[in-house]
Protein backbone atom coordinates (compact mmCIF):
# COMPACT_ATOMS: atom_id res chain seq x y z
CA MET A 1 19.91 -10.32 6.14
CA SER A 2 21.08 -14.23 5.31
CA ARG A 3 19.05 -16.86 5.36
CA LYS A 4 19.70 -19.11 8.19
CA ILE A 5 19.25 -23.13 8.95
CA LYS A 6 20.02 -23.85 12.21
CA GLY A 7 22.39 -21.51 12.48
CA ILE A 8 23.86 -22.27 9.48
CA ILE A 9 23.96 -19.14 6.70
CA VAL A 10 22.64 -20.32 3.46
CA SER A 11 24.37 -18.59 0.85
CA ARG A 12 27.74 -19.27 2.45
CA LEU A 13 26.82 -23.06 3.02
CA ILE A 14 26.04 -23.31 -1.20
CA VAL A 15 29.33 -21.55 -1.79
CA LEU A 16 30.54 -24.13 0.38
CA VAL A 17 29.20 -27.30 -1.81
CA SER A 18 30.09 -25.80 -4.79
CA ILE A 19 33.19 -25.34 -4.09
CA PHE A 20 33.97 -29.35 -3.75
CA LEU A 21 30.73 -30.23 -6.04
CA VAL A 22 31.97 -28.19 -8.91
CA PRO A 23 35.36 -30.16 -9.96
CA ILE A 24 33.51 -33.29 -9.35
CA LEU A 25 30.92 -32.35 -11.74
CA ILE A 26 33.44 -31.53 -14.26
CA PHE A 27 35.47 -34.72 -14.11
CA ILE A 28 31.90 -36.24 -14.54
CA ILE A 29 31.25 -34.47 -17.64
CA PHE A 30 34.64 -35.45 -19.09
CA SER A 31 34.29 -39.11 -18.29
CA LEU A 32 30.89 -39.38 -19.36
CA VAL A 33 30.42 -37.29 -22.53
CA PRO A 34 32.25 -38.81 -25.83
CA PHE A 35 34.65 -35.85 -26.59
CA HIS A 36 36.99 -36.81 -29.71
CA LEU A 37 39.43 -35.32 -30.86
CA THR A 38 39.80 -36.51 -34.56
CA TRP A 39 43.59 -35.45 -34.64
CA ALA A 40 44.99 -37.36 -31.81
CA ASP A 41 45.58 -40.81 -30.61
CA GLU A 42 43.77 -42.74 -28.17
CA GLN A 43 46.58 -42.27 -25.38
CA THR A 44 46.59 -38.52 -25.85
CA GLN A 45 42.83 -38.23 -25.85
CA PHE A 46 42.79 -39.97 -22.39
CA ILE A 47 45.51 -37.70 -21.44
CA LEU A 48 43.66 -34.87 -22.37
CA LEU A 49 39.78 -35.15 -22.19
CA GLN A 50 40.27 -37.50 -18.96
CA ILE A 51 43.05 -35.60 -16.78
CA LEU A 52 44.32 -32.16 -17.83
CA ILE A 53 41.65 -30.20 -19.34
CA PRO A 54 39.23 -31.39 -16.57
CA LEU A 55 42.23 -30.87 -13.97
CA VAL A 56 42.68 -27.51 -15.30
CA PHE A 57 39.03 -26.23 -15.27
CA SER A 58 38.12 -27.53 -12.04
CA ILE A 59 41.33 -25.45 -10.61
CA SER A 60 40.04 -22.60 -12.17
CA TRP A 61 36.78 -23.25 -10.90
CA VAL A 62 37.63 -23.73 -7.48
CA TYR A 63 40.00 -20.28 -7.31
CA PHE A 64 37.06 -18.51 -9.00
CA LEU A 65 34.81 -19.70 -5.93
CA LEU A 66 37.42 -19.07 -3.40
CA ILE A 67 38.54 -15.42 -4.13
CA PHE A 68 34.96 -14.83 -4.66
CA ALA A 69 33.45 -16.45 -1.86
CA ASN A 70 32.67 -13.55 0.06
CA ARG A 71 30.72 -11.62 -2.94
CA THR A 72 29.14 -14.78 -4.56
CA ALA A 73 27.31 -15.33 -1.03
CA SER A 74 26.49 -11.79 -0.41
CA SER A 75 25.04 -11.92 -4.57
CA ILE A 76 22.85 -14.38 -3.15
CA ASP A 77 21.51 -12.81 -0.56
CA MET A 78 21.35 -9.98 -2.15
CA MET A 79 19.25 -11.73 -5.30
CA ASP A 80 16.95 -13.36 -2.46
CA LYS A 81 15.95 -9.85 -1.15
CA THR A 82 15.64 -8.04 -4.62
CA ILE A 83 13.34 -10.68 -5.80
CA GLY A 84 11.45 -11.05 -2.28
CA VAL A 85 8.01 -10.50 -3.61
CA VAL A 86 8.26 -14.29 -5.65
CA PRO A 87 7.33 -17.16 -2.47
CA LEU A 88 10.19 -18.65 -1.83
CA ARG A 89 9.22 -22.18 -3.05
CA LEU A 90 8.67 -20.99 -6.47
CA LYS A 91 12.23 -19.29 -6.40
CA PHE A 92 13.75 -22.80 -5.46
CA PHE A 93 12.20 -24.22 -8.55
CA TYR A 94 13.06 -21.65 -11.02
CA GLY A 95 16.52 -21.36 -9.55
CA LEU A 96 17.17 -25.01 -10.40
CA ASN A 97 15.46 -24.32 -13.92
CA ALA A 98 17.64 -21.75 -14.38
CA LEU A 99 21.04 -23.91 -12.93
CA PHE A 100 19.79 -26.36 -15.93
CA VAL A 101 19.89 -23.51 -18.41
CA LEU A 102 22.92 -21.97 -17.22
CA LEU A 103 25.07 -25.65 -17.00
CA ILE A 104 23.78 -26.23 -20.94
CA PHE A 105 24.24 -23.54 -22.44
CA ILE A 106 26.20 -20.81 -20.23
CA TYR A 107 28.99 -22.81 -18.47
CA PRO A 108 30.61 -24.85 -21.31
CA LEU A 109 31.64 -21.24 -23.21
CA ILE A 110 32.37 -19.31 -20.20
CA THR A 111 34.88 -21.96 -18.32
CA PRO A 112 37.64 -21.52 -20.58
CA ILE A 113 37.29 -17.51 -20.50
CA ILE A 114 37.39 -18.46 -16.32
CA SER A 115 40.26 -20.63 -16.73
CA VAL A 116 42.36 -18.13 -18.53
CA LEU A 117 41.24 -15.31 -16.13
CA ALA A 118 41.62 -17.47 -13.30
CA PHE A 119 45.66 -18.49 -13.81
CA ALA A 120 46.10 -15.07 -14.66
CA SER A 121 44.77 -14.02 -11.54
CA LEU A 122 46.57 -16.36 -9.55
CA ALA A 123 50.32 -15.79 -11.40
CA TRP A 124 49.64 -12.11 -10.65
CA ARG A 125 48.77 -12.93 -7.16
CA LEU A 126 51.96 -14.93 -6.63
CA THR A 127 54.12 -12.51 -7.89
CA THR A 128 52.47 -9.33 -6.31
CA PHE A 129 51.56 -10.61 -2.73
CA ARG A 130 54.84 -9.17 -0.88
CA ARG A 131 54.02 -5.98 -2.41
CA GLU A 132 52.20 -3.77 0.88
CA GLU A 133 51.69 -0.59 -0.84
CA TRP A 134 49.58 0.43 -4.06
CA ASP A 135 48.22 3.56 -5.53
CA THR A 136 47.11 4.98 -9.05
CA GLN A 137 50.87 5.43 -10.37
CA SER A 138 52.07 1.77 -9.44
CA LYS A 139 52.49 -0.47 -12.76
CA THR A 140 52.99 -4.22 -13.12
CA SER A 141 56.28 -5.26 -13.22
CA LEU A 142 57.96 -6.88 -15.70
CA LEU A 143 57.89 -10.52 -13.89
CA THR A 144 54.54 -10.05 -13.39
CA LYS A 145 53.79 -9.61 -16.74
CA ILE A 146 56.10 -12.53 -18.19
CA ALA A 147 54.65 -14.92 -14.79
CA ILE A 148 50.82 -13.91 -16.51
CA ILE A 149 51.75 -14.73 -19.99
CA ILE A 150 53.31 -18.22 -18.99
CA ALA A 151 50.75 -19.15 -16.96
CA ILE A 152 47.65 -18.62 -19.44
CA ILE A 153 49.42 -20.74 -21.93
CA LEU A 154 48.13 -23.79 -20.91
CA PRO A 155 44.36 -22.58 -20.30
CA VAL A 156 44.23 -20.78 -23.80
CA VAL A 157 45.61 -24.34 -24.88
CA CYS A 158 42.65 -26.50 -22.85
CA GLY A 159 40.22 -23.93 -24.26
CA ILE A 160 41.49 -23.96 -27.90
CA ILE A 161 40.99 -27.75 -27.77
CA ILE A 162 37.84 -28.72 -26.23
CA LEU A 163 35.65 -25.09 -27.51
CA PRO A 164 34.78 -26.89 -30.89
CA GLU A 165 33.69 -30.07 -28.67
CA ILE A 166 31.71 -28.20 -26.02
CA ILE A 167 29.77 -26.28 -28.55
CA THR A 168 28.66 -29.32 -30.18
CA LEU A 169 27.78 -30.70 -26.92
CA SER A 170 25.63 -27.79 -25.95
CA ILE A 171 23.99 -28.06 -29.67
CA TYR A 172 23.62 -31.69 -29.17
CA LEU A 173 22.33 -31.28 -25.49
CA TRP A 174 19.64 -28.84 -26.68
CA SER A 175 18.61 -30.55 -29.80
CA ASN A 176 18.51 -34.76 -28.46
CA ILE A 177 17.53 -33.90 -25.13
CA TRP A 178 16.29 -30.60 -24.07
CA VAL A 179 13.76 -30.51 -26.97
CA PRO A 180 12.36 -33.75 -27.06
CA LEU A 181 11.37 -33.62 -22.98
CA LEU A 182 10.52 -30.36 -23.19
CA GLU A 183 7.00 -31.36 -23.04
CA TYR A 184 7.13 -33.38 -20.25
CA ILE A 185 9.53 -30.93 -18.37
CA TYR A 186 6.95 -28.16 -19.15
CA ILE A 187 3.83 -30.24 -17.90
CA ILE A 188 5.78 -31.30 -15.01
CA SER A 189 7.17 -27.42 -13.91
CA ARG A 190 3.52 -25.85 -14.50
CA ALA A 191 1.66 -28.70 -12.30
CA LEU A 192 4.17 -28.10 -9.65
CA CYS A 193 4.28 -24.07 -9.47
CA THR A 194 0.50 -24.29 -9.36
CA ALA A 195 0.52 -26.80 -6.40
CA LEU A 196 3.23 -24.85 -4.73
CA ALA A 197 1.06 -21.43 -5.35
CA PHE A 198 -1.83 -23.47 -3.64
CA GLY A 199 0.67 -24.39 -0.98
CA SER A 200 1.74 -20.69 -0.62
CA LEU A 201 -1.52 -19.52 0.07
CA VAL A 202 -2.11 -21.80 3.08
CA ILE A 203 0.94 -21.08 5.01
CA LEU A 204 0.42 -17.40 4.14
CA PHE A 205 -3.60 -17.69 5.95
CA LYS A 206 -1.50 -19.79 8.45
CA LYS A 207 1.49 -17.07 9.25
CA SER A 208 0.84 -13.84 10.41
CA GLY A 209 3.66 -11.69 9.54
CA ILE A 210 5.85 -10.95 6.86
CA SER A 211 9.03 -12.07 8.35
CA GLU A 212 7.38 -15.38 8.85
CA TYR A 213 6.52 -16.06 5.23
CA GLU A 214 7.99 -19.35 4.07
CA GLN A 215 10.97 -19.01 5.94
CA PHE A 216 13.99 -21.82 5.69
CA TYR A 217 13.93 -22.22 9.55
CA MET A 218 10.96 -22.78 11.23
CA ASN A 219 9.72 -23.25 15.08
CA PRO A 220 9.47 -26.53 16.35
CA ASP A 221 5.89 -25.77 17.00
CA ASP A 222 5.32 -25.01 13.36
CA ALA A 223 7.22 -28.72 12.02
CA ASN A 224 4.24 -30.51 11.48
CA PHE A 225 2.28 -27.53 9.88
CA PHE A 226 4.96 -27.23 7.05
CA MET A 227 5.11 -31.03 6.86
CA GLY A 228 1.10 -31.06 6.55
CA VAL A 229 1.67 -28.54 3.78
CA LYS A 230 4.14 -30.47 1.82
CA VAL A 231 1.85 -33.83 2.34
CA PHE A 232 -1.02 -31.03 0.85
CA ASP A 233 1.72 -29.79 -2.25
CA VAL A 234 2.35 -33.31 -3.08
CA PHE A 235 -1.53 -34.32 -3.20
CA CYS A 236 -2.06 -31.78 -5.48
CA LEU A 237 1.07 -32.20 -7.90
CA LEU A 238 0.24 -35.67 -8.32
CA PHE A 239 -3.73 -34.85 -8.90
CA PHE A 240 -2.74 -31.75 -11.45
CA LEU A 241 -0.49 -34.16 -13.41
CA PHE A 242 -3.75 -36.77 -13.27
CA LEU A 243 -5.78 -34.08 -14.71
CA GLU A 244 -3.11 -33.08 -17.44
CA PHE A 245 -1.91 -36.27 -18.81
CA PHE A 246 -5.54 -37.60 -18.72
CA GLN A 247 -6.37 -34.27 -20.76
CA ILE A 248 -9.11 -33.09 -18.54
CA PRO A 249 -10.52 -29.84 -19.39
CA ILE A 250 -10.64 -28.50 -15.47
CA ILE A 251 -7.22 -28.19 -15.28
CA ASP A 252 -7.16 -24.88 -16.80
CA PHE A 253 -9.15 -23.63 -14.12
CA PHE A 254 -6.36 -24.82 -11.97
CA TYR A 255 -3.48 -23.19 -13.87
CA TYR A 256 -6.05 -20.01 -13.83
CA ALA A 257 -6.71 -20.01 -9.84
CA GLY A 258 -2.66 -20.66 -9.21
CA PHE A 259 -1.42 -17.48 -11.11
CA VAL A 260 -4.34 -15.42 -9.46
CA ILE A 261 -3.30 -17.23 -6.16
CA VAL A 262 0.56 -16.19 -7.12
CA CYS A 263 -0.04 -12.64 -7.88
CA PHE A 264 -2.47 -12.45 -4.43
CA VAL A 265 -0.08 -13.41 -2.20
CA ALA A 266 2.96 -11.14 -3.93
CA LEU A 267 0.67 -8.30 -3.52
CA ALA A 268 -0.38 -9.49 0.29
CA ASN A 269 3.89 -9.99 0.78
CA LEU A 270 4.19 -6.54 -0.47
CA ILE A 271 1.32 -4.96 1.45
CA LYS A 272 1.93 -7.23 4.97
CA GLY A 273 5.51 -5.73 4.35
CA LYS A 274 5.28 -2.28 4.08
CA MET A 275 2.68 -1.93 7.36
CA GLU A 276 4.94 -3.39 9.30
CA ASP A 277 8.49 -1.80 7.96
CA ARG A 278 8.02 1.15 5.99
CA SER A 279 11.87 0.38 5.06
CA PHE A 280 10.85 -2.45 3.01
CA LYS A 281 10.82 -1.98 -0.79
CA SER A 282 9.56 -3.55 -3.60
CA TYR A 283 11.53 -4.49 -6.91
CA LEU A 284 9.78 -4.23 -10.34
CA LEU A 285 12.52 -7.19 -11.52
CA GLY A 286 10.04 -9.63 -8.43
CA TYR A 287 7.17 -8.57 -10.12
CA LEU A 288 8.43 -9.88 -13.73
CA ILE A 289 9.55 -12.88 -12.47
CA ALA A 290 6.44 -13.81 -10.77
CA ILE A 291 4.59 -12.95 -14.29
CA VAL A 292 6.64 -14.92 -16.37
CA PHE A 293 6.67 -17.49 -13.58
CA MET A 294 2.56 -17.74 -13.49
CA GLY A 295 1.74 -15.84 -16.32
CA SER A 296 3.06 -17.77 -19.23
CA SER A 297 1.71 -20.93 -18.82
CA LEU A 298 -2.06 -19.35 -19.49
CA ILE A 299 -0.97 -19.00 -22.97
CA THR A 300 -0.79 -22.54 -24.62
CA TYR A 301 -2.55 -22.47 -27.23
CA ASP A 302 -1.50 -22.55 -31.12
CA ILE A 303 -3.79 -19.75 -33.11
CA GLY A 304 -3.53 -21.34 -36.60
CA PRO A 305 -1.23 -23.99 -39.05
CA ILE A 306 1.53 -21.66 -39.46
CA PHE A 307 2.81 -20.55 -35.41
CA ASP A 308 2.36 -22.83 -32.63
CA LEU A 309 2.03 -20.79 -30.01
CA GLY A 310 2.06 -23.51 -27.41
CA ASN A 311 5.05 -25.18 -28.48
CA THR A 312 6.52 -21.27 -28.42
CA ILE A 313 5.68 -20.31 -25.31
CA LYS A 314 6.48 -23.62 -23.61
CA THR A 315 10.04 -23.09 -24.81
CA TRP A 316 10.67 -19.95 -24.25
CA SER A 317 8.87 -19.47 -20.62
CA LEU A 318 11.18 -21.56 -19.29
CA ILE A 319 14.36 -19.72 -20.73
CA LEU A 320 12.90 -16.50 -20.34
CA SER A 321 12.45 -17.70 -16.32
CA ALA A 322 15.86 -18.53 -16.53
CA VAL A 323 17.94 -16.27 -18.17
CA ILE A 324 16.04 -13.59 -15.63
CA PHE A 325 18.16 -15.30 -12.61
CA ILE A 326 21.08 -15.59 -13.90
CA LEU A 327 21.19 -12.10 -14.94
CA ILE A 328 19.95 -10.62 -11.49
CA PHE A 329 22.68 -12.90 -10.29
CA PHE A 330 25.57 -11.42 -12.50
CA ILE A 331 24.40 -8.02 -12.32
CA THR A 332 24.23 -8.28 -8.70
CA PHE A 333 27.16 -10.40 -8.65
CA LEU A 334 29.00 -6.80 -10.45
CA LYS A 335 27.83 -4.66 -8.36
CA ILE A 336 28.02 -5.42 -4.67
CA GLU A 337 30.83 -4.47 -2.63
CA ASP A 338 32.96 -7.74 -1.68
CA VAL A 339 33.03 -7.86 1.99
CA GLU A 340 35.42 -9.16 3.82
CA SER A 341 34.75 -12.06 6.64
């Protein structure tokens, strides 16, 4: 069942916002990042890097999001169900982490491919939209094949031009932004997850049913309670950050307690769901994500001068949690049936 905010389906709202936001982000990236084509003069670079290539990529993503709008929205709903044992507020945070990894490492590399596929699909649709019947014996006409070849010339050229620069961009973001900020990203993420875990425990004890646990929508009578939980979360976050940055040892106790709370909340979520609905299903990937999220933060110490276990865990726990999120969504997207609305 799709989550709703005041009658608005959240998954479809995400897709709608993405249709408008993605082109804006593409043009922002091309205007801010100092791409440089050594073989082109200044005017040619401006036309290619500020107008043509971002326009082609924007059209491609908008087309892709439009034709797969229902599938994408359904995939978001199904993924939410698949990792249902993970508290909603933790899913939100690590979903943002997955989005960050996606934008840095995956999105730049797949955009040229998406662009070629999108233009080929558009040409196919424009040359076959009058066709009413299809069967296994149907063959693509010569006109359609020629149209597809012509259509993909532009995105292929754009991809060839920008791909070396995109790879350089990903390497630059990794070595000059991600790695230097990793220590602070990890401290903040671990403190935030622990704070959210304590808040989740409060919500679980307050609310009496699995269907009421950590919803987007809340009854007006619960608004003050949830606002209080948010204030409590912020207080816990600031407190944990204070302990962390001033290296007060008791912070480790709270991290272990947060891990225990997440396990307890996930187990309570599962048991309560089984009690109220025997068709309620648990998912192995959901438990795996919960373990990766909080369990990885407990191993943060070096085991000798040769192997820096702390920094290794800090890096891979964030990347692994993001990769799991991305893989679940990708697999769900491929398997789910595209239901037309």
